[in-house]
Amino acid sequence: MCVGPDALVAMGMGAKTAATVSKVASVAMGAMTGLSALGAIRQGQAQQNLAEYNAQIAQNDAIAAQQKAAFDEKAHRRQVRQLQGSQRAGAAAAGGELLDMGDVFDMTAEDAELDALAIRYGGRTAATAARQRGTIASMEGRAAKQRSITEAGGTLLTGARSGLALL
């Protein structure tokens, strides 16, 4: 509770002493208000820094997802080529005509291509989701910083009002 110089005089304090005590209290309150506002701003900056760090991690996740999908697609295509070679060798060893096995080879190739495209799509989807997480983290960081500035402004106004009441 703020007690002005008139109230201090009413409690038996000398007028000059009451004015000095009131001014000292006002200055102390102003300093505490300033420190509180500064703390709010620093907290908002820290939250923004953390959010930007999280956004960078999400961006790295997006890159990793794309790289993993490219690797997995390449490995899948290599396995399919090996399977197709085994199918041809098996058909030749069995004495079958390779032309008779054309439908089997075509189905293998079509299924393999669909699987490869699914791997690529999965990588793109994961990368997009990671980028979106990064964008959200950046937006949350900017919002936290803005909230801290607003909070600091409110703290300063409240402190000013309380300090003026002491005078």
Foldseek 3Di string as FASTA:
>chain_A
DADALVNVVVVPDDSVVSNVVLLVVLVVLLVVLLVVLVVLLVVLQVLLVVLLVLLVVLQVQLVVLQVVLVVVLVVLVVVLVVVLVVVVVVCVVVVHDVVVCVVVSVVSVVVSVVVSVVSNVRSNVSSVVSNVSSVVSNVVSVVSNVVSNVVSVVSNVVSVVSSVVRD
